[in-house]
C-alpha atoms as a PDB file:
ATOM      1  CA  MET A   1       0.000   0.000   0.000  1.00  0.00           C
ATOM      2  CA  GLY A   2       2.997   2.339   0.497  1.00  0.00           C
ATOM      3  CA  ILE A   3       3.774   2.380  -3.235  1.00  0.00           C
ATOM      4  CA  LYS A   4       0.127   3.006  -4.096  1.00  0.00           C
ATOM      5  CA  ARG A   5      -0.106   5.897  -1.658  1.00  0.00           C
ATOM      6  CA  HIS A   6       3.090   7.350  -3.092  1.00  0.00           C
ATOM      7  CA  TRP A   7       1.807   7.490  -6.682  1.00  0.00           C
ATOM      8  CA  LEU A   8      -1.622   8.636  -5.548  1.00  0.00           C
ATOM      9  CA  LEU A   9      -0.015  11.543  -3.660  1.00  0.00           C
ATOM     10  CA  GLU A  10       2.009  12.423  -6.753  1.00  0.00           C
ATOM     11  CA  ALA A  11      -1.170  12.365  -8.876  1.00  0.00           C
ATOM     12  CA  ILE A  12      -2.997  14.682  -6.463  1.00  0.00           C
ATOM     13  CA  LEU A  13      -0.076  17.143  -6.359  1.00  0.00           C
ATOM     14  CA  THR A  14       0.219  17.138 -10.161  1.00  0.00           C
ATOM     15  CA  ILE A  15      -3.498  17.758 -10.624  1.00  0.00           C
ATOM     16  CA  ALA A  16      -3.455  20.537  -8.030  1.00  0.00           C
ATOM     17  CA  LEU A  17      -0.524  22.198  -9.846  1.00  0.00           C
ATOM     18  CA  VAL A  18      -2.302  22.021 -13.222  1.00  0.00           C
ATOM     19  CA  SER A  19      -5.504  23.432 -11.724  1.00  0.00           C
ATOM     20  CA  SER A  20      -3.731  26.307  -9.964  1.00  0.00           C
ATOM     21  CA  THR A  21      -1.804  27.143 -13.143  1.00  0.00           C
ATOM     22  CA  ALA A  22      -5.002  27.241 -15.188  1.00  0.00           C
ATOM     23  CA  PHE A  23      -6.672  29.403 -12.561  1.00  0.00           C
ATOM     24  CA  GLY A  24      -3.706  31.762 -12.412  1.00  0.00           C
ATOM     25  CA  GLN A  25      -3.732  32.219 -16.187  1.00  0.00           C
ATOM     26  CA  GLY A  26      -7.506  32.653 -16.370  1.00  0.00           C
ATOM     27  CA  HIS A  27      -8.179  34.843 -13.351  1.00  0.00           C
ATOM     28  CA  VAL A  28      -6.756  38.048 -14.839  1.00  0.00           C
ATOM     29  CA  PHE A  29      -9.603  40.145 -16.203  1.00  0.00           C
ATOM     30  CA  SER A  30     -10.372  43.782 -16.818  1.00  0.00           C
ATOM     31  CA  HIS A  31     -12.824  45.874 -14.846  1.00  0.00           C
ATOM     32  CA  ASN A  32     -13.829  47.681 -18.026  1.00  0.00           C
ATOM     33  CA  ALA A  33     -17.537  47.359 -18.747  1.00  0.00           C
ATOM     34  CA  ASP A  34     -16.814  46.093 -22.269  1.00  0.00           C
ATOM     35  CA  THR A  35     -14.455  43.276 -21.167  1.00  0.00           C
ATOM     36  CA  THR A  36     -15.049  39.798 -22.560  1.00  0.00           C
ATOM     37  CA  ALA A  37     -13.037  37.948 -19.923  1.00  0.00           C
ATOM     38  CA  ARG A  38     -15.571  38.333 -17.123  1.00  0.00           C
ATOM     39  CA  HIS A  39     -18.627  36.108 -17.342  1.00  0.00           C
ATOM     40  CA  SER A  40     -21.903  38.038 -17.354  1.00  0.00           C
ATOM     41  CA  ASP A  41     -25.491  36.869 -17.342  1.00  0.00           C
ATOM     42  CA  ALA A  42     -25.354  36.662 -21.119  1.00  0.00           C
ATOM     43  CA  ARG A  43     -25.095  33.194 -22.680  1.00  0.00           C
ATOM     44  CA  PRO A  44     -21.926  32.109 -24.475  1.00  0.00           C
ATOM     45  CA  PRO A  45     -21.829  33.442 -28.043  1.00  0.00           C
ATOM     46  CA  ASP A  46     -22.349  29.981 -29.584  1.00  0.00           C
ATOM     47  CA  VAL A  47     -25.481  29.256 -27.503  1.00  0.00           C
ATOM     48  CA  GLU A  48     -28.837  30.612 -28.575  1.00  0.00           C
ATOM     49  CA  GLU A  49     -31.195  32.193 -26.042  1.00  0.00           C
ATOM     50  CA  GLY A  50     -33.320  29.535 -24.384  1.00  0.00           C
ATOM     51  CA  GLU A  51     -31.088  26.672 -25.564  1.00  0.00           C
ATOM     52  CA  ALA A  52     -30.004  24.268 -22.789  1.00  0.00           C
ATOM     53  CA  LEU A  53     -26.368  23.234 -22.615  1.00  0.00           C
ATOM     54  CA  THR A  54     -25.724  19.496 -22.523  1.00  0.00           C
ATOM     55  CA  ALA A  55     -22.625  17.322 -22.381  1.00  0.00           C
ATOM     56  CA  TRP A  56     -21.697  13.674 -22.379  1.00  0.00           C
ATOM     57  CA  GLY A  57     -18.393  11.951 -21.846  1.00  0.00           C
ATOM     58  CA  LEU A  58     -16.102   9.479 -20.142  1.00  0.00           C
ATOM     59  CA  ASP A  59     -14.996   9.263 -16.498  1.00  0.00           C
ATOM     60  CA  VAL A  60     -11.676   7.749 -15.417  1.00  0.00           C
ATOM     61  CA  LEU A  61     -11.667   6.956 -11.683  1.00  0.00           C
ATOM     62  CA  ILE A  62      -8.526   6.593  -9.568  1.00  0.00           C
ATOM     63  CA  SER A  63      -8.448   5.581  -5.905  1.00  0.00           C
ATOM     64  CA  THR A  64      -6.364   3.632  -3.406  1.00  0.00           C
ATOM     65  CA  GLY A  65      -8.734   0.728  -4.084  1.00  0.00           C
ATOM     66  CA  GLY A  66      -7.971   0.599  -7.803  1.00  0.00           C
ATOM     67  CA  PHE A  67      -9.131   2.060 -11.083  1.00  0.00           C
ATOM     68  CA  GLY A  68     -12.457   2.455 -12.820  1.00  0.00           C
ATOM     69  CA  LEU A  69     -14.228   3.669 -15.950  1.00  0.00           C
ATOM     70  CA  GLY A  70     -17.615   5.260 -16.448  1.00  0.00           C
ATOM     71  CA  GLY A  71     -19.745   7.603 -18.480  1.00  0.00           C
ATOM     72  CA  PHE A  72     -21.976  10.607 -17.813  1.00  0.00           C
ATOM     73  CA  TYR A  73     -24.713  12.746 -19.345  1.00  0.00           C
ATOM     74  CA  ARG A  74     -25.185  16.318 -18.068  1.00  0.00           C
ATOM     75  CA  ARG A  75     -27.875  18.909 -18.797  1.00  0.00           C
ATOM     76  CA  GLU A  76     -28.242  22.552 -17.794  1.00  0.00           C
ATOM     77  CA  PHE A  77     -31.204  23.714 -15.683  1.00  0.00           C
ATOM     78  CA  THR A  78     -29.943  27.262 -15.054  1.00  0.00           C
ATOM     79  CA  PRO A  79     -26.589  28.943 -15.861  1.00  0.00           C
ATOM     80  CA  ASP A  80     -25.358  27.722 -12.445  1.00  0.00           C
ATOM     81  CA  VAL A  81     -27.207  24.434 -11.927  1.00  0.00           C
ATOM     82  CA  PHE A  82     -26.762  21.228 -13.917  1.00  0.00           C
ATOM     83  CA  GLY A  83     -28.272  17.797 -13.474  1.00  0.00           C
ATOM     84  CA  PHE A  84     -26.463  14.621 -14.499  1.00  0.00           C
ATOM     85  CA  VAL A  85     -26.662  10.864 -14.703  1.00  0.00           C
ATOM     86  CA  SER A  86     -23.538   8.699 -14.466  1.00  0.00           C
ATOM     87  CA  PHE A  87     -22.589   5.036 -14.419  1.00  0.00           C
ATOM     88  CA  SER A  88     -19.196   3.543 -13.536  1.00  0.00           C
ATOM     89  CA  ILE A  89     -17.359   0.306 -12.786  1.00  0.00           C
ATOM     90  CA  SER A  90     -14.456   0.361 -10.346  1.00  0.00           C
ATOM     91  CA  GLU A  91     -12.408  -1.946  -8.143  1.00  0.00           C
ATOM     92  CA  SER A  92     -12.747  -2.030  -4.389  1.00  0.00           C
ATOM     93  CA  LYS A  93     -10.018  -3.705  -2.348  1.00  0.00           C
ATOM     94  CA  ASP A  94      -9.869  -4.692   1.285  1.00  0.00           C
ATOM     95  CA  ALA A  95      -7.709  -2.528   3.549  1.00  0.00           C
ATOM     96  CA  GLN A  96      -5.722  -5.665   4.428  1.00  0.00           C
ATOM     97  CA  ASP A  97      -4.763  -6.403   0.806  1.00  0.00           C
ATOM     98  CA  ASN A  98      -0.978  -6.348   0.583  1.00  0.00           C
ATOM     99  CA  GLU A  99       0.330  -7.013  -2.919  1.00  0.00           C
ATOM    100  CA  GLN A 100       3.667  -8.810  -3.143  1.00  0.00           C
ATOM    101  CA  PHE A 101       5.736  -9.734  -6.185  1.00  0.00           C
ATOM    102  CA  ASP A 102       6.842 -13.363  -6.506  1.00  0.00           C
ATOM    103  CA  PRO A 103      10.171 -13.284  -8.418  1.00  0.00           C
ATOM    104  CA  TYR A 104      10.152 -17.054  -8.968  1.00  0.00           C
ATOM    105  CA  TYR A 105       6.810 -17.176 -10.791  1.00  0.00           C
ATOM    106  CA  GLN A 106       7.040 -13.545 -11.966  1.00  0.00           C
ATOM    107  CA  ILE A 107       3.531 -12.801 -10.688  1.00  0.00           C
ATOM    108  CA  THR A 108       1.934 -10.486  -8.139  1.00  0.00           C
ATOM    109  CA  ILE A 109       0.268 -12.227  -5.201  1.00  0.00           C
ATOM    110  CA  VAL A 110      -1.953 -10.922  -2.409  1.00  0.00           C
ATOM    111  CA  PRO A 111      -1.631 -13.190   0.647  1.00  0.00           C
ATOM    112  CA  GLY A 112      -4.982 -13.792   2.324  1.00  0.00           C
ATOM    113  CA  LYS A 113      -7.133 -12.241  -0.407  1.00  0.00           C
ATOM    114  CA  LEU A 114     -10.226 -14.367  -0.936  1.00  0.00           C
ATOM    115  CA  ASN A 115     -12.529 -12.415  -3.296  1.00  0.00           C
ATOM    116  CA  ARG A 116     -12.514  -9.630  -5.886  1.00  0.00           C
ATOM    117  CA  PHE A 117     -15.041  -6.799  -5.702  1.00  0.00           C
ATOM    118  CA  LEU A 118     -16.380  -4.581  -8.479  1.00  0.00           C
ATOM    119  CA  VAL A 119     -18.632  -1.637  -7.598  1.00  0.00           C
ATOM    120  CA  LEU A 120     -21.194  -0.472 -10.193  1.00  0.00           C
ATOM    121  CA  PRO A 121     -23.158   2.634  -9.097  1.00  0.00           C
ATOM    122  CA  LEU A 122     -25.870   4.294 -11.207  1.00  0.00           C
ATOM    123  CA  MET A 123     -25.936   7.873  -9.918  1.00  0.00           C
ATOM    124  CA  VAL A 124     -28.279  10.826 -10.359  1.00  0.00           C
ATOM    125  CA  GLY A 125     -26.978  14.153  -9.124  1.00  0.00           C
ATOM    126  CA  VAL A 126     -26.712  17.903  -9.262  1.00  0.00           C
ATOM    127  CA  GLN A 127     -23.748  20.153 -10.030  1.00  0.00           C
ATOM    128  CA  TYR A 128     -23.569  23.794  -8.904  1.00  0.00           C
ATOM    129  CA  ARG A 129     -21.152  26.158 -10.591  1.00  0.00           C
ATOM    130  CA  LEU A 130     -19.164  28.513  -8.355  1.00  0.00           C
ATOM    131  CA  PHE A 131     -18.084  32.131  -8.998  1.00  0.00           C
ATOM    132  CA  ARG A 132     -19.645  32.272 -12.467  1.00  0.00           C
ATOM    133  CA  GLU A 133     -19.543  36.077 -12.592  1.00  0.00           C
ATOM    134  CA  ASP A 134     -15.966  36.345 -11.322  1.00  0.00           C
ATOM    135  CA  ILE A 135     -13.997  33.745 -13.270  1.00  0.00           C
ATOM    136  CA  VAL A 136     -13.460  33.250 -16.997  1.00  0.00           C
ATOM    137  CA  ASP A 137     -15.576  30.628 -18.772  1.00  0.00           C
ATOM    138  CA  THR A 138     -12.596  28.396 -19.565  1.00  0.00           C
ATOM    139  CA  PHE A 139     -12.180  27.589 -15.849  1.00  0.00           C
ATOM    140  CA  ARG A 140     -15.480  26.607 -14.212  1.00  0.00           C
ATOM    141  CA  PRO A 141     -15.224  25.351 -10.596  1.00  0.00           C
ATOM    142  CA  TYR A 142     -18.193  23.574  -9.067  1.00  0.00           C
ATOM    143  CA  VAL A 143     -19.479  21.398  -6.242  1.00  0.00           C
ATOM    144  CA  ASN A 144     -21.563  18.307  -6.870  1.00  0.00           C
ATOM    145  CA  ALA A 145     -23.447  15.527  -5.125  1.00  0.00           C
ATOM    146  CA  ALA A 146     -25.230  12.376  -6.250  1.00  0.00           C
ATOM    147  CA  VAL A 147     -27.137   9.327  -5.009  1.00  0.00           C
ATOM    148  CA  GLY A 148     -28.232   6.084  -6.608  1.00  0.00           C
ATOM    149  CA  PRO A 149     -28.533   2.288  -6.512  1.00  0.00           C
ATOM    150  CA  THR A 150     -25.332   0.251  -6.567  1.00  0.00           C
ATOM    151  CA  MET A 151     -24.412  -3.317  -7.411  1.00  0.00           C
ATOM    152  CA  ILE A 152     -21.398  -4.926  -5.749  1.00  0.00           C
ATOM    153  CA  TYR A 153     -20.152  -7.885  -7.766  1.00  0.00           C
ATOM    154  CA  MET A 154     -18.115 -10.423  -5.805  1.00  0.00           C
ATOM    155  CA  SER A 155     -16.035 -13.066  -7.584  1.00  0.00           C
ATOM    156  CA  PRO A 156     -13.366 -15.487  -6.293  1.00  0.00           C
ATOM    157  CA  PHE A 157      -9.719 -14.440  -6.247  1.00  0.00           C
ATOM    158  CA  VAL A 158      -8.523 -17.876  -5.099  1.00  0.00           C
ATOM    159  CA  ASP A 159      -9.964 -21.307  -4.377  1.00  0.00           C
ATOM    160  CA  LEU A 160      -8.947 -22.945  -1.100  1.00  0.00           C
ATOM    161  CA  VAL A 161      -8.754 -26.719  -1.600  1.00  0.00           C
ATOM    162  CA  ALA A 162      -8.565 -28.790   1.585  1.00  0.00           C
ATOM    163  CA  ASN A 163      -6.158 -31.739   1.582  1.00  0.00           C
ATOM    164  CA  GLY A 164      -7.945 -33.681   4.323  1.00  0.00           C
ATOM    165  CA  ASP A 165      -5.033 -33.508   6.736  1.00  0.00           C
ATOM    166  CA  GLY A 166      -5.685 -30.009   8.054  1.00  0.00           C
ATOM    167  CA  THR A 167      -3.715 -28.347   5.269  1.00  0.00           C
ATOM    168  CA  TYR A 168      -4.983 -26.701   2.103  1.00  0.00           C
ATOM    169  CA  ASN A 169      -3.847 -25.606  -1.312  1.00  0.00           C
ATOM    170  CA  VAL A 170      -4.362 -22.103  -2.708  1.00  0.00           C
ATOM    171  CA  VAL A 171      -5.454 -22.134  -6.353  1.00  0.00           C
ATOM    172  CA  PRO A 172      -5.537 -18.692  -8.050  1.00  0.00           C
ATOM    173  CA  VAL A 173      -8.596 -17.980 -10.216  1.00  0.00           C
ATOM    174  CA  GLU A 174      -7.970 -16.153 -13.501  1.00  0.00           C
ATOM    175  CA  PHE A 175      -9.838 -12.836 -13.752  1.00  0.00           C
ATOM    176  CA  PHE A 176     -12.257 -13.611 -16.595  1.00  0.00           C
ATOM    177  CA  LYS A 177     -13.020 -17.100 -15.277  1.00  0.00           C
ATOM    178  CA  SER A 178     -13.635 -15.490 -11.909  1.00  0.00           C
ATOM    179  CA  LEU A 179     -16.278 -13.160 -13.380  1.00  0.00           C
ATOM    180  CA  GLY A 180     -18.316 -16.129 -14.550  1.00  0.00           C
ATOM    181  CA  ARG A 181     -18.487 -17.415 -10.991  1.00  0.00           C
ATOM    182  CA  GLY A 182     -19.460 -14.149  -9.334  1.00  0.00           C
ATOM    183  CA  THR A 183     -22.552 -13.089  -7.395  1.00  0.00           C
ATOM    184  CA  ALA A 184     -24.320  -9.718  -7.289  1.00  0.00           C
ATOM    185  CA  HIS A 185     -25.219  -7.841  -4.105  1.00  0.00           C
ATOM    186  CA  TYR A 186     -27.217  -4.606  -4.001  1.00  0.00           C
ATOM    187  CA  THR A 187     -27.066  -1.462  -1.904  1.00  0.00           C
ATOM    188  CA  GLY A 188     -27.086   2.333  -2.372  1.00  0.00           C
ATOM    189  CA  SER A 189     -24.380   4.947  -2.824  1.00  0.00           C
ATOM    190  CA  ALA A 190     -23.938   8.680  -2.395  1.00  0.00           C
ATOM    191  CA  TYR A 191     -21.046  11.025  -2.949  1.00  0.00           C
ATOM    192  CA  VAL A 192     -20.094  14.657  -2.476  1.00  0.00           C
ATOM    193  CA  GLY A 193     -17.329  16.365  -4.397  1.00  0.00           C
ATOM    194  CA  PHE A 194     -15.770  19.442  -5.893  1.00  0.00           C
ATOM    195  CA  GLY A 195     -13.888  20.052  -9.116  1.00  0.00           C
ATOM    196  CA  ALA A 196     -13.563  22.168 -12.226  1.00  0.00           C
ATOM    197  CA  ASN A 197     -14.177  21.958 -15.956  1.00  0.00           C
ATOM    198  CA  PHE A 198     -11.756  23.431 -18.474  1.00  0.00           C
ATOM    199  CA  GLY A 199     -12.462  24.520 -22.045  1.00  0.00           C
ATOM    200  CA  GLY A 200     -15.607  25.924 -23.640  1.00  0.00           C
ATOM    201  CA  GLU A 201     -19.184  24.980 -22.843  1.00  0.00           C
ATOM    202  CA  LYS A 202     -19.743  23.733 -26.405  1.00  0.00           C
ATOM    203  CA  SER A 203     -16.422  22.092 -27.220  1.00  0.00           C
ATOM    204  CA  ASN A 204     -14.126  19.366 -25.998  1.00  0.00           C
ATOM    205  CA  ILE A 205     -14.334  19.366 -22.190  1.00  0.00           C
ATOM    206  CA  PHE A 206     -11.692  18.266 -19.702  1.00  0.00           C
ATOM    207  CA  GLY A 207     -12.490  18.208 -16.007  1.00  0.00           C
ATOM    208  CA  ILE A 208     -11.205  17.058 -12.633  1.00  0.00           C
ATOM    209  CA  ASN A 209     -13.477  16.010  -9.797  1.00  0.00           C
ATOM    210  CA  PHE A 210     -12.511  15.012  -6.239  1.00  0.00           C
ATOM    211  CA  ARG A 211     -15.211  12.816  -4.702  1.00  0.00           C
ATOM    212  CA  TYR A 212     -15.861  10.889  -1.530  1.00  0.00           C
ATOM    213  CA  TYR A 213     -18.209   7.930  -1.989  1.00  0.00           C
ATOM    214  CA  PHE A 214     -20.372   6.520   0.794  1.00  0.00           C
ATOM    215  CA  THR A 215     -21.136   2.904  -0.173  1.00  0.00           C
ATOM    216  CA  TYR A 216     -21.999   0.482   2.602  1.00  0.00           C
ATOM    217  CA  LEU A 217     -23.345  -3.049   2.467  1.00  0.00           C
ATOM    218  CA  PHE A 218     -25.374  -3.551   5.606  1.00  0.00           C
ATOM    219  CA  GLY A 219     -25.474  -6.800   7.515  1.00  0.00           C
ATOM    220  CA  ASN A 220     -22.512  -9.131   7.871  1.00  0.00           C
ATOM    221  CA  GLY A 221     -20.741  -7.912   4.750  1.00  0.00           C
ATOM    222  CA  LEU A 222     -18.954 -10.064   2.183  1.00  0.00           C
ATOM    223  CA  PRO A 223     -16.043 -12.472   2.842  1.00  0.00           C
ATOM    224  CA  SER A 224     -12.803 -10.830   1.772  1.00  0.00           C
ATOM    225  CA  VAL A 225      -9.749 -12.184   3.647  1.00  0.00           C
ATOM    226  CA  TYR A 226      -8.757 -15.633   4.904  1.00  0.00           C
ATOM    227  CA  ASP A 227      -6.207 -16.655   7.516  1.00  0.00           C
ATOM    228  CA  THR A 228      -3.123 -17.845   5.633  1.00  0.00           C
ATOM    229  CA  ASN A 229      -2.260 -20.242   8.482  1.00  0.00           C
ATOM    230  CA  THR A 230      -5.595 -22.012   8.830  1.00  0.00           C
ATOM    231  CA  GLY A 231      -7.490 -21.167   5.632  1.00  0.00           C
ATOM    232  CA  LEU A 232     -10.452 -19.963   7.705  1.00  0.00           C
ATOM    233  CA  LEU A 233     -12.344 -16.748   7.007  1.00  0.00           C
ATOM    234  CA  ALA A 234     -10.637 -13.843   8.768  1.00  0.00           C
ATOM    235  CA  SER A 235     -12.455 -10.709   7.591  1.00  0.00           C
ATOM    236  CA  ARG A 236     -15.654  -9.529   5.933  1.00  0.00           C
ATOM    237  CA  LYS A 237     -15.983  -6.295   3.947  1.00  0.00           C
ATOM    238  CA  THR A 238     -18.846  -3.817   4.427  1.00  0.00           C
ATOM    239  CA  ASP A 239     -17.372  -0.485   3.233  1.00  0.00           C
ATOM    240  CA  PHE A 240     -16.958  -0.136  -0.542  1.00  0.00           C
ATOM    241  CA  GLY A 241     -16.642   3.659  -0.727  1.00  0.00           C
ATOM    242  CA  GLY A 242     -13.739   6.039  -0.302  1.00  0.00           C
ATOM    243  CA  PHE A 243     -11.897   8.923  -1.917  1.00  0.00           C
ATOM    244  CA  PHE A 244     -11.688   9.101  -5.722  1.00  0.00           C
ATOM    245  CA  ILE A 245      -9.972  11.366  -8.216  1.00  0.00           C
ATOM    246  CA  THR A 246     -12.134  11.444 -11.335  1.00  0.00           C
ATOM    247  CA  LEU A 247     -10.932  12.732 -14.694  1.00  0.00           C
ATOM    248  CA  ASN A 248     -13.768  13.788 -17.042  1.00  0.00           C
ATOM    249  CA  VAL A 249     -13.371  13.949 -20.822  1.00  0.00           C
ATOM    250  CA  GLY A 250     -16.387  14.870 -22.886  1.00  0.00           C
ATOM    251  CA  LEU A 251     -18.120  16.912 -25.531  1.00  0.00           C
ATOM    252  CA  GLY A 252     -20.425  19.852 -24.894  1.00  0.00           C
ATOM    253  CA  PHE A 253     -23.196  20.682 -27.354  1.00  0.00           C
END
């Protein structure tokens, strides 16, 4: 987990530097009444009066639990308020997962890991633009929040085969074969976040969003870790949320 935290910290610092640079370049504007840098109540020049702005695109999710991909559709309600629908698939790992590299077999192993988890939330949310009248249109900060139903798909990472003498063998399960043996479990999710979009409203859009997901599976949870000495279940997982950096790439129209 130390290596993962190291690259995640580097990613956050890099994104923060890019955002601050873009803000620094875009925040200079004139106080002259005829300036075009400051955003007014007027619509962008390529948007007709009464026409709603929409956008769709791809989400790339990065977290300490793994990576994910998703898509979104966003529609304007007012110049400051947007509604959106999104769907994503991402990994969720147990806090006790400790990846180790086996130099003999040239593979990565995770001692004690019993199951894989994929989280698939379908979210409906709202996005509120900040400082619209004070910042140029090419840098649009916002806050957002969403809720929706979520499927957690559990599939085996290894099979534990008992030998009959109190010992057992660990048999890894290949990823795609594992998917065919999985089971679905259902719950709900919510997240809150903040971020910014770069570029024009009706052009190629690039955005960064920092989110914290709240995704809990109530009850006893799902089996996630086994005792490497005995082969018995050692831990069950109930929390499938956490902090995510989400990169948004889309098209406004």
